PDB file of all heavy atoms in Angstrom:
ATOM      1  N   ASP A   1     -23.386  -0.065  42.774  1.00  0.00           N
ATOM      2  CA  ASP A   1     -22.040  -0.407  43.223  1.00  0.00           C
ATOM      3  C   ASP A   1     -21.148  -0.649  42.007  1.00  0.00           C
ATOM      4  O   ASP A   1     -21.575  -0.477  40.857  1.00  0.00           O
ATOM      5  CB  ASP A   1     -22.073  -1.625  44.148  1.00  0.00           C
ATOM      6  CG  ASP A   1     -22.653  -2.874  43.489  1.00  0.00           C
ATOM      7  OD1 ASP A   1     -22.638  -2.963  42.232  1.00  0.00           O
ATOM      8  OD2 ASP A   1     -23.114  -3.780  44.205  1.00  0.00           O
ATOM      9  N   ALA A   2     -19.892  -1.079  42.251  1.00  0.00           N
ATOM     10  CA  ALA A   2     -18.934  -1.224  41.158  1.00  0.00           C
ATOM     11  C   ALA A   2     -19.390  -2.263  40.137  1.00  0.00           C
ATOM     12  O   ALA A   2     -19.286  -2.044  38.922  1.00  0.00           O
ATOM     13  CB  ALA A   2     -17.558  -1.607  41.715  1.00  0.00           C
ATOM     14  N   THR A   3     -19.916  -3.384  40.610  1.00  0.00           N
ATOM     15  CA  THR A   3     -20.359  -4.432  39.686  1.00  0.00           C
ATOM     16  C   THR A   3     -21.546  -3.965  38.865  1.00  0.00           C
ATOM     17  O   THR A   3     -21.585  -4.142  37.636  1.00  0.00           O
ATOM     18  CB  THR A   3     -20.730  -5.708  40.458  1.00  0.00           C
ATOM     19  OG1 THR A   3     -19.578  -6.186  41.168  1.00  0.00           O
ATOM     20  CG2 THR A   3     -21.219  -6.791  39.506  1.00  0.00           C
ATOM     21  N   GLN A   4     -22.532  -3.372  39.515  1.00  0.00           N
ATOM     22  CA  GLN A   4     -23.710  -2.882  38.790  1.00  0.00           C
ATOM     23  C   GLN A   4     -23.328  -1.796  37.782  1.00  0.00           C
ATOM     24  O   GLN A   4     -23.845  -1.773  36.658  1.00  0.00           O
ATOM     25  CB  GLN A   4     -24.733  -2.329  39.783  1.00  0.00           C
ATOM     26  CG  GLN A   4     -25.401  -3.379  40.645  1.00  0.00           C
ATOM     27  CD  GLN A   4     -26.265  -2.753  41.725  1.00  0.00           C
ATOM     28  OE1 GLN A   4     -25.853  -1.821  42.414  1.00  0.00           O
ATOM     29  NE2 GLN A   4     -27.484  -3.258  41.870  1.00  0.00           N
ATOM     30  N   THR A   5     -22.425  -0.913  38.164  1.00  0.00           N
ATOM     31  CA  THR A   5     -21.991   0.150  37.261  1.00  0.00           C
ATOM     32  C   THR A   5     -21.275  -0.434  36.050  1.00  0.00           C
ATOM     33  O   THR A   5     -21.503  -0.014  34.909  1.00  0.00           O
ATOM     34  CB  THR A   5     -21.062   1.134  37.979  1.00  0.00           C
ATOM     35  OG1 THR A   5     -21.759   1.709  39.089  1.00  0.00           O
ATOM     36  CG2 THR A   5     -20.598   2.239  37.049  1.00  0.00           C
ATOM     37  N   GLY A   6     -20.415  -1.419  36.287  1.00  0.00           N
ATOM     38  CA  GLY A   6     -19.719  -2.063  35.180  1.00  0.00           C
ATOM     39  C   GLY A   6     -20.679  -2.748  34.224  1.00  0.00           C
ATOM     40  O   GLY A   6     -20.517  -2.681  32.993  1.00  0.00           O
ATOM     41  N   ILE A   7     -21.692  -3.414  34.770  1.00  0.00           N
ATOM     42  CA  ILE A   7     -22.700  -4.068  33.922  1.00  0.00           C
ATOM     43  C   ILE A   7     -23.459  -3.026  33.109  1.00  0.00           C
ATOM     44  O   ILE A   7     -23.686  -3.199  31.902  1.00  0.00           O
ATOM     45  CB  ILE A   7     -23.673  -4.892  34.782  1.00  0.00           C
ATOM     46  CG1 ILE A   7     -22.947  -6.069  35.427  1.00  0.00           C
ATOM     47  CG2 ILE A   7     -24.845  -5.403  33.940  1.00  0.00           C
ATOM     48  CD1 ILE A   7     -23.768  -6.815  36.458  1.00  0.00           C
ATOM     49  N   LEU A   8     -23.856  -1.941  33.765  1.00  0.00           N
ATOM     50  CA  LEU A   8     -24.585  -0.879  33.063  1.00  0.00           C
ATOM     51  C   LEU A   8     -23.774  -0.341  31.890  1.00  0.00           C
ATOM     52  O   LEU A   8     -24.283  -0.234  30.766  1.00  0.00           O
ATOM     53  CB  LEU A   8     -24.906   0.253  34.037  1.00  0.00           C
ATOM     54  CG  LEU A   8     -25.567   1.491  33.411  1.00  0.00           C
ATOM     55  CD1 LEU A   8     -27.003   1.190  33.005  1.00  0.00           C
ATOM     56  CD2 LEU A   8     -25.536   2.678  34.374  1.00  0.00           C
ATOM     57  N   LEU A   9     -22.507  -0.024  32.129  1.00  0.00           N
ATOM     58  CA  LEU A   9     -21.667   0.550  31.081  1.00  0.00           C
ATOM     59  C   LEU A   9     -21.380  -0.464  29.985  1.00  0.00           C
ATOM     60  O   LEU A   9     -21.471  -0.159  28.790  1.00  0.00           O
ATOM     61  CB  LEU A   9     -20.358   1.063  31.683  1.00  0.00           C
ATOM     62  CG  LEU A   9     -20.474   2.141  32.762  1.00  0.00           C
ATOM     63  CD1 LEU A   9     -19.098   2.522  33.285  1.00  0.00           C
ATOM     64  CD2 LEU A   9     -21.195   3.372  32.226  1.00  0.00           C
ATOM     65  N   GLY A  10     -21.042  -1.687  30.376  1.00  0.00           N
ATOM     66  CA  GLY A  10     -20.700  -2.709  29.391  1.00  0.00           C
ATOM     67  C   GLY A  10     -21.879  -3.168  28.562  1.00  0.00           C
ATOM     68  O   GLY A  10     -21.715  -3.593  27.417  1.00  0.00           O
ATOM     69  N   ALA A  11     -23.087  -3.066  29.116  1.00  0.00           N
ATOM     70  CA  ALA A  11     -24.273  -3.558  28.423  1.00  0.00           C
ATOM     71  C   ALA A  11     -24.999  -2.496  27.617  1.00  0.00           C
ATOM     72  O   ALA A  11     -25.888  -2.817  26.827  1.00  0.00           O
ATOM     73  CB  ALA A  11     -25.250  -4.169  29.439  1.00  0.00           C
ATOM     74  N   THR A  12     -24.652  -1.219  27.788  1.00  0.00           N
ATOM     75  CA  THR A  12     -25.430  -0.153  27.135  1.00  0.00           C
ATOM     76  C   THR A  12     -24.635   0.727  26.184  1.00  0.00           C
ATOM     77  O   THR A  12     -25.207   1.312  25.268  1.00  0.00           O
ATOM     78  CB  THR A  12     -26.071   0.771  28.196  1.00  0.00           C
ATOM     79  OG1 THR A  12     -25.035   1.334  29.017  1.00  0.00           O
ATOM     80  CG2 THR A  12     -27.051   0.002  29.072  1.00  0.00           C
ATOM     81  N   ILE A  13     -23.334   0.858  26.381  1.00  0.00           N
ATOM     82  CA  ILE A  13     -22.540   1.732  25.507  1.00  0.00           C
ATOM     83  C   ILE A  13     -22.220   0.992  24.218  1.00  0.00           C
ATOM     84  O   ILE A  13     -21.865  -0.182  24.242  1.00  0.00           O
ATOM     85  CB  ILE A  13     -21.258   2.203  26.217  1.00  0.00           C
ATOM     86  CG1 ILE A  13     -21.625   3.014  27.474  1.00  0.00           C
ATOM     87  CG2 ILE A  13     -20.402   3.051  25.291  1.00  0.00           C
ATOM     88  CD1 ILE A  13     -20.439   3.496  28.275  1.00  0.00           C
ATOM     89  N   HIS A  14     -22.319   1.683  23.095  1.00  0.00           N
ATOM     90  CA  HIS A  14     -22.266   1.045  21.785  1.00  0.00           C
ATOM     91  C   HIS A  14     -20.896   0.472  21.429  1.00  0.00           C
ATOM     92  O   HIS A  14     -20.782  -0.713  21.099  1.00  0.00           O
ATOM     93  CB  HIS A  14     -22.683   2.038  20.696  1.00  0.00           C
ATOM     94  CG  HIS A  14     -23.956   2.763  21.006  1.00  0.00           C
ATOM     95  ND1 HIS A  14     -24.055   3.673  22.028  1.00  0.00           N
ATOM     96  CD2 HIS A  14     -25.175   2.724  20.417  1.00  0.00           C
ATOM     97  CE1 HIS A  14     -25.292   4.154  22.076  1.00  0.00           C
ATOM     98  NE2 HIS A  14     -25.984   3.595  21.107  1.00  0.00           N
ATOM     99  N   ASP A  15     -19.851   1.298  21.435  1.00  0.00           N
ATOM    100  CA  ASP A  15     -18.534   0.877  20.967  1.00  0.00           C
ATOM    101  C   ASP A  15     -17.611   0.505  22.120  1.00  0.00           C
ATOM    102  O   ASP A  15     -17.691   1.073  23.217  1.00  0.00           O
ATOM    103  CB  ASP A  15     -17.875   1.993  20.152  1.00  0.00           C
ATOM    104  CG  ASP A  15     -18.466   2.111  18.752  1.00  0.00           C
ATOM    105  OD1 ASP A  15     -18.840   1.073  18.189  1.00  0.00           O
ATOM    106  OD2 ASP A  15     -18.551   3.240  18.243  1.00  0.00           O
ATOM    107  N   MET A  16     -16.692  -0.429  21.848  1.00  0.00           N
ATOM    108  CA  MET A  16     -15.774  -0.902  22.874  1.00  0.00           C
ATOM    109  C   MET A  16     -14.885   0.213  23.422  1.00  0.00           C
ATOM    110  O   MET A  16     -14.601   0.258  24.619  1.00  0.00           O
ATOM    111  CB  MET A  16     -14.903  -2.030  22.293  1.00  0.00           C
ATOM    112  CG  MET A  16     -13.868  -2.566  23.255  1.00  0.00           C
ATOM    113  SD  MET A  16     -14.597  -3.349  24.721  1.00  0.00           S
ATOM    114  CE  MET A  16     -14.920  -5.004  24.081  1.00  0.00           C
ATOM    115  N   ALA A  17     -14.449   1.112  22.553  1.00  0.00           N
ATOM    116  CA  ALA A  17     -13.551   2.174  23.007  1.00  0.00           C
ATOM    117  C   ALA A  17     -14.182   2.991  24.127  1.00  0.00           C
ATOM    118  O   ALA A  17     -13.540   3.291  25.143  1.00  0.00           O
ATOM    119  CB  ALA A  17     -13.191   3.093  21.835  1.00  0.00           C
ATOM    120  N   GLN A  18     -15.450   3.337  23.950  1.00  0.00           N
ATOM    121  CA  GLN A  18     -16.113   4.160  24.952  1.00  0.00           C
ATOM    122  C   GLN A  18     -16.467   3.364  26.202  1.00  0.00           C
ATOM    123  O   GLN A  18     -16.545   3.919  27.300  1.00  0.00           O
ATOM    124  CB  GLN A  18     -17.359   4.818  24.355  1.00  0.00           C
ATOM    125  CG  GLN A  18     -17.041   5.924  23.372  1.00  0.00           C
ATOM    126  CD  GLN A  18     -16.857   5.408  21.962  1.00  0.00           C
ATOM    127  OE1 GLN A  18     -16.635   4.219  21.742  1.00  0.00           O
ATOM    128  NE2 GLN A  18     -16.950   6.291  20.979  1.00  0.00           N
ATOM    129  N   VAL A  19     -16.710   2.059  26.048  1.00  0.00           N
ATOM    130  CA  VAL A  19     -16.919   1.213  27.224  1.00  0.00           C
ATOM    131  C   VAL A  19     -15.668   1.232  28.094  1.00  0.00           C
ATOM    132  O   VAL A  19     -15.732   1.401  29.317  1.00  0.00           O
ATOM    133  CB  VAL A  19     -17.263  -0.235  26.803  1.00  0.00           C
ATOM    134  CG1 VAL A  19     -17.215  -1.169  28.023  1.00  0.00           C
ATOM    135  CG2 VAL A  19     -18.634  -0.298  26.158  1.00  0.00           C
ATOM    136  N   VAL A  20     -14.524   1.066  27.452  1.00  0.00           N
ATOM    137  CA  VAL A  20     -13.249   1.089  28.168  1.00  0.00           C
ATOM    138  C   VAL A  20     -13.038   2.452  28.820  1.00  0.00           C
ATOM    139  O   VAL A  20     -12.668   2.554  29.989  1.00  0.00           O
ATOM    140  CB  VAL A  20     -12.093   0.758  27.202  1.00  0.00           C
ATOM    141  CG1 VAL A  20     -10.748   1.009  27.871  1.00  0.00           C
ATOM    142  CG2 VAL A  20     -12.193  -0.689  26.735  1.00  0.00           C
ATOM    143  N   GLY A  21     -13.270   3.519  28.046  1.00  0.00           N
ATOM    144  CA  GLY A  21     -13.067   4.860  28.570  1.00  0.00           C
ATOM    145  C   GLY A  21     -13.954   5.155  29.757  1.00  0.00           C
ATOM    146  O   GLY A  21     -13.494   5.715  30.765  1.00  0.00           O
ATOM    147  N   ALA A  22     -15.228   4.784  29.666  1.00  0.00           N
ATOM    148  CA  ALA A  22     -16.159   5.057  30.758  1.00  0.00           C
ATOM    149  C   ALA A  22     -15.851   4.205  31.982  1.00  0.00           C
ATOM    150  O   ALA A  22     -15.844   4.697  33.115  1.00  0.00           O
ATOM    151  CB  ALA A  22     -17.595   4.806  30.288  1.00  0.00           C
ATOM    152  N   GLY A  23     -15.590   2.914  31.761  1.00  0.00           N
ATOM    153  CA  GLY A  23     -15.371   2.015  32.881  1.00  0.00           C
ATOM    154  C   GLY A  23     -14.129   2.335  33.682  1.00  0.00           C
ATOM    155  O   GLY A  23     -14.187   2.505  34.907  1.00  0.00           O
ATOM    156  N   TYR A  24     -12.998   2.452  32.995  1.00  0.00           N
ATOM    157  CA  TYR A  24     -11.739   2.682  33.702  1.00  0.00           C
ATOM    158  C   TYR A  24     -11.581   4.121  34.170  1.00  0.00           C
ATOM    159  O   TYR A  24     -10.676   4.418  34.957  1.00  0.00           O
ATOM    160  CB  TYR A  24     -10.558   2.254  32.839  1.00  0.00           C
ATOM    161  CG  TYR A  24     -10.451   0.745  32.727  1.00  0.00           C
ATOM    162  CD1 TYR A  24     -10.850   0.081  31.580  1.00  0.00           C
ATOM    163  CD2 TYR A  24      -9.993  -0.010  33.796  1.00  0.00           C
ATOM    164  CE1 TYR A  24     -10.792  -1.289  31.480  1.00  0.00           C
ATOM    165  CE2 TYR A  24      -9.923  -1.392  33.718  1.00  0.00           C
ATOM    166  CZ  TYR A  24     -10.331  -2.033  32.551  1.00  0.00           C
ATOM    167  OH  TYR A  24     -10.273  -3.391  32.473  1.00  0.00           O
ATOM    168  N   SER A  25     -12.448   5.020  33.687  1.00  0.00           N
ATOM    169  CA  SER A  25     -12.422   6.376  34.230  1.00  0.00           C
ATOM    170  C   SER A  25     -12.977   6.412  35.651  1.00  0.00           C
ATOM    171  O   SER A  25     -12.720   7.356  36.396  1.00  0.00           O
ATOM    172  CB  SER A  25     -13.235   7.325  33.338  1.00  0.00           C
ATOM    173  OG  SER A  25     -14.632   7.065  33.442  1.00  0.00           O
ATOM    174  N   ILE A  26     -13.751   5.371  36.020  1.00  0.00           N
ATOM    175  CA  ILE A  26     -14.300   5.283  37.372  1.00  0.00           C
ATOM    176  C   ILE A  26     -13.348   4.509  38.280  1.00  0.00           C
ATOM    177  O   ILE A  26     -12.896   5.008  39.309  1.00  0.00           O
ATOM    178  CB  ILE A  26     -15.691   4.613  37.357  1.00  0.00           C
ATOM    179  CG1 ILE A  26     -16.664   5.424  36.494  1.00  0.00           C
ATOM    180  CG2 ILE A  26     -16.240   4.457  38.775  1.00  0.00           C
ATOM    181  CD1 ILE A  26     -18.013   4.769  36.317  1.00  0.00           C
ATOM    182  N   SER A  27     -13.057   3.265  37.894  1.00  0.00           N
ATOM    183  CA  SER A  27     -12.134   2.444  38.664  1.00  0.00           C
ATOM    184  C   SER A  27     -11.791   1.208  37.856  1.00  0.00           C
ATOM    185  O   SER A  27     -12.471   0.871  36.883  1.00  0.00           O
ATOM    186  CB  SER A  27     -12.751   2.024  40.012  1.00  0.00           C
ATOM    187  OG  SER A  27     -13.816   1.113  39.805  1.00  0.00           O
ATOM    188  N   GLU A  28     -10.751   0.513  38.282  1.00  0.00           N
ATOM    189  CA  GLU A  28     -10.363  -0.709  37.574  1.00  0.00           C
ATOM    190  C   GLU A  28     -11.404  -1.810  37.709  1.00  0.00           C
ATOM    191  O   GLU A  28     -11.723  -2.479  36.721  1.00  0.00           O
ATOM    192  CB  GLU A  28      -9.002  -1.201  38.073  1.00  0.00           C
ATOM    193  CG  GLU A  28      -8.491  -2.406  37.305  1.00  0.00           C
ATOM    194  CD  GLU A  28      -7.036  -2.714  37.597  1.00  0.00           C
ATOM    195  OE1 GLU A  28      -6.240  -1.772  37.754  1.00  0.00           O
ATOM    196  OE2 GLU A  28      -6.704  -3.913  37.660  1.00  0.00           O
ATOM    197  N   PRO A  29     -11.997  -2.047  38.901  1.00  0.00           N
ATOM    198  CA  PRO A  29     -13.046  -3.068  38.989  1.00  0.00           C
ATOM    199  C   PRO A  29     -14.236  -2.781  38.073  1.00  0.00           C
ATOM    200  O   PRO A  29     -14.776  -3.690  37.447  1.00  0.00           O
ATOM    201  CB  PRO A  29     -13.454  -3.026  40.471  1.00  0.00           C
ATOM    202  CG  PRO A  29     -12.255  -2.506  41.178  1.00  0.00           C
ATOM    203  CD  PRO A  29     -11.641  -1.509  40.237  1.00  0.00           C
ATOM    204  N   VAL A  30     -14.651  -1.520  37.996  1.00  0.00           N
ATOM    205  CA  VAL A  30     -15.758  -1.156  37.107  1.00  0.00           C
ATOM    206  C   VAL A  30     -15.359  -1.415  35.661  1.00  0.00           C
ATOM    207  O   VAL A  30     -16.128  -1.991  34.873  1.00  0.00           O
ATOM    208  CB  VAL A  30     -16.153   0.323  37.294  1.00  0.00           C
ATOM    209  CG1 VAL A  30     -17.149   0.746  36.208  1.00  0.00           C
ATOM    210  CG2 VAL A  30     -16.773   0.538  38.662  1.00  0.00           C
TER     211      VAL A  30
END
């Protein structure tokens, strides 16, 4: 779900820029 996806992206992607890019490319909650 959105929360689990956000945790996955925020906890595994190395740099902040790509975390932002990946997360907000899905949805704002993610």
